[in-house]
């Protein structure tokens, strides 16, 4: 089973695993250590922008903000990448 190369240094896991344990564990199972790794929006944003430092800490692997937060501090570039990813996914369905 694939494991995300960023798993051990993921800001999202570091910041939210203690407060959102069950939810985080589900994402980890499916995205970070599972078959959905290729669909991880965090990883795609990192690849498009050239580094993990551009990924908002509160962005989940599905590209949505962590519950109780929002995307108001995300850059427009990040938001545009997410929009384009969602359009591609929508066209495939």
C-alpha atoms as a PDB file:
ATOM      1  CA  UNK A   1       0.000   0.000   0.000  1.00  0.00           C
ATOM      2  CA  UNK A   2       1.413   3.435  -0.908  1.00  0.00           C
ATOM      3  CA  UNK A   3       2.410   5.895   1.813  1.00  0.00           C
ATOM      4  CA  UNK A   4       2.623   9.633   1.212  1.00  0.00           C
ATOM      5  CA  UNK A   5       6.247  10.796   1.042  1.00  0.00           C
ATOM      6  CA  UNK A   6       5.272  13.801   3.186  1.00  0.00           C
ATOM      7  CA  UNK A   7       3.488  11.769   5.861  1.00  0.00           C
ATOM      8  CA  UNK A   8       6.101  12.179   8.620  1.00  0.00           C
ATOM      9  CA  UNK A   9       6.315  15.957   8.154  1.00  0.00           C
ATOM     10  CA  UNK A  10       2.733  16.910   7.345  1.00  0.00           C
ATOM     11  CA  UNK A  11       1.623  20.194   8.940  1.00  0.00           C
ATOM     12  CA  UNK A  12      -2.041  19.189   8.656  1.00  0.00           C
ATOM     13  CA  UNK A  13      -1.499  15.992  10.641  1.00  0.00           C
ATOM     14  CA  UNK A  14       0.732  17.765  13.171  1.00  0.00           C
ATOM     15  CA  UNK A  15      -1.775  20.546  13.750  1.00  0.00           C
ATOM     16  CA  UNK A  16      -5.103  18.683  13.752  1.00  0.00           C
ATOM     17  CA  UNK A  17      -4.489  15.068  14.781  1.00  0.00           C
ATOM     18  CA  UNK A  18      -4.971  15.713  18.495  1.00  0.00           C
ATOM     19  CA  UNK A  19      -8.300  17.543  18.099  1.00  0.00           C
ATOM     20  CA  UNK A  20      -9.847  15.673  15.156  1.00  0.00           C
ATOM     21  CA  UNK A  21      -8.537  12.162  15.788  1.00  0.00           C
ATOM     22  CA  UNK A  22     -11.236   9.979  14.189  1.00  0.00           C
ATOM     23  CA  UNK A  23     -11.637  12.239  11.167  1.00  0.00           C
ATOM     24  CA  UNK A  24      -7.885  12.542  10.665  1.00  0.00           C
ATOM     25  CA  UNK A  25      -7.466   8.765  10.982  1.00  0.00           C
ATOM     26  CA  UNK A  26     -10.027   8.220   8.231  1.00  0.00           C
ATOM     27  CA  UNK A  27      -8.217  10.627   5.907  1.00  0.00           C
ATOM     28  CA  UNK A  28      -4.863   9.025   6.771  1.00  0.00           C
ATOM     29  CA  UNK A  29      -6.245   5.569   6.021  1.00  0.00           C
ATOM     30  CA  UNK A  30      -7.718   6.640   2.682  1.00  0.00           C
ATOM     31  CA  UNK A  31      -5.315   9.304   1.419  1.00  0.00           C
ATOM     32  CA  UNK A  32      -1.983   9.205   3.250  1.00  0.00           C
ATOM     33  CA  UNK A  33      -1.677   5.420   3.442  1.00  0.00           C
ATOM     34  CA  UNK A  34      -4.259   4.281   0.959  1.00  0.00           C
ATOM     35  CA  UNK A  35      -5.441   4.017  -2.568  1.00  0.00           C
ATOM     36  CA  UNK A  36      -6.601   7.650  -2.685  1.00  0.00           C
ATOM     37  CA  UNK A  37      -3.046   9.014  -2.360  1.00  0.00           C
ATOM     38  CA  UNK A  38      -3.034   9.875  -6.076  1.00  0.00           C
ATOM     39  CA  UNK A  39      -6.131  12.060  -5.476  1.00  0.00           C
ATOM     40  CA  UNK A  40      -4.657  14.012  -2.544  1.00  0.00           C
ATOM     41  CA  UNK A  41      -5.209  17.699  -3.214  1.00  0.00           C
ATOM     42  CA  UNK A  42      -2.535  18.711  -0.681  1.00  0.00           C
ATOM     43  CA  UNK A  43       0.047  16.728  -2.640  1.00  0.00           C
ATOM     44  CA  UNK A  44      -1.171  18.132  -5.987  1.00  0.00           C
ATOM     45  CA  UNK A  45      -1.020  21.738  -4.721  1.00  0.00           C
ATOM     46  CA  UNK A  46       2.499  21.116  -3.444  1.00  0.00           C
ATOM     47  CA  UNK A  47       3.599  19.707  -6.798  1.00  0.00           C
ATOM     48  CA  UNK A  48       2.035  22.578  -8.792  1.00  0.00           C
ATOM     49  CA  UNK A  49       3.448  25.334  -6.571  1.00  0.00           C
ATOM     50  CA  UNK A  50       6.857  23.767  -6.012  1.00  0.00           C
ATOM     51  CA  UNK A  51       6.793  22.968  -2.320  1.00  0.00           C
ATOM     52  CA  UNK A  52       4.821  21.991   0.747  1.00  0.00           C
ATOM     53  CA  UNK A  53       5.277  25.432   2.293  1.00  0.00           C
ATOM     54  CA  UNK A  54       2.520  26.694  -0.025  1.00  0.00           C
ATOM     55  CA  UNK A  55      -0.101  24.255   1.291  1.00  0.00           C
ATOM     56  CA  UNK A  56      -2.425  25.809   3.876  1.00  0.00           C
ATOM     57  CA  UNK A  57      -2.145  23.917   7.183  1.00  0.00           C
ATOM     58  CA  UNK A  58      -5.926  23.626   7.456  1.00  0.00           C
ATOM     59  CA  UNK A  59      -6.389  22.057   4.012  1.00  0.00           C
ATOM     60  CA  UNK A  60      -7.520  18.442   4.212  1.00  0.00           C
ATOM     61  CA  UNK A  61      -6.419  15.892   1.588  1.00  0.00           C
ATOM     62  CA  UNK A  62      -9.747  16.386  -0.207  1.00  0.00           C
ATOM     63  CA  UNK A  63      -8.984  20.101  -0.642  1.00  0.00           C
ATOM     64  CA  UNK A  64     -11.560  21.331   1.852  1.00  0.00           C
ATOM     65  CA  UNK A  65     -10.798  23.306   5.014  1.00  0.00           C
ATOM     66  CA  UNK A  66     -10.766  21.452   8.322  1.00  0.00           C
ATOM     67  CA  UNK A  67     -14.170  21.584   9.994  1.00  0.00           C
ATOM     68  CA  UNK A  68     -14.490  24.807  11.979  1.00  0.00           C
ATOM     69  CA  UNK A  69     -12.010  26.670   9.726  1.00  0.00           C
ATOM     70  CA  UNK A  70     -12.281  28.248   6.295  1.00  0.00           C
ATOM     71  CA  UNK A  71     -10.230  29.090   3.229  1.00  0.00           C
ATOM     72  CA  UNK A  72     -10.188  32.851   3.756  1.00  0.00           C
ATOM     73  CA  UNK A  73      -6.416  32.913   4.266  1.00  0.00           C
ATOM     74  CA  UNK A  74      -5.605  30.630   1.333  1.00  0.00           C
ATOM     75  CA  UNK A  75      -3.928  32.288  -1.610  1.00  0.00           C
ATOM     76  CA  UNK A  76      -5.900  32.804  -4.801  1.00  0.00           C
ATOM     77  CA  UNK A  77      -3.374  30.592  -6.550  1.00  0.00           C
ATOM     78  CA  UNK A  78      -4.176  27.690  -4.188  1.00  0.00           C
ATOM     79  CA  UNK A  79      -7.908  28.242  -4.640  1.00  0.00           C
ATOM     80  CA  UNK A  80      -7.535  28.255  -8.428  1.00  0.00           C
ATOM     81  CA  UNK A  81      -5.592  24.987  -8.388  1.00  0.00           C
ATOM     82  CA  UNK A  82      -8.332  23.404  -6.281  1.00  0.00           C
ATOM     83  CA  UNK A  83     -11.015  24.678  -8.660  1.00  0.00           C
ATOM     84  CA  UNK A  84      -9.199  23.188 -11.640  1.00  0.00           C
ATOM     85  CA  UNK A  85      -8.732  19.847  -9.851  1.00  0.00           C
ATOM     86  CA  UNK A  86     -12.433  19.723  -9.027  1.00  0.00           C
ATOM     87  CA  UNK A  87     -13.397  20.557 -12.621  1.00  0.00           C
ATOM     88  CA  UNK A  88     -11.249  17.713 -13.910  1.00  0.00           C
ATOM     89  CA  UNK A  89     -12.725  15.315 -11.347  1.00  0.00           C
ATOM     90  CA  UNK A  90     -16.245  16.440 -12.256  1.00  0.00           C
ATOM     91  CA  UNK A  91     -15.594  15.842 -15.943  1.00  0.00           C
ATOM     92  CA  UNK A  92     -14.390  12.299 -15.186  1.00  0.00           C
ATOM     93  CA  UNK A  93     -17.594  11.456 -13.293  1.00  0.00           C
END
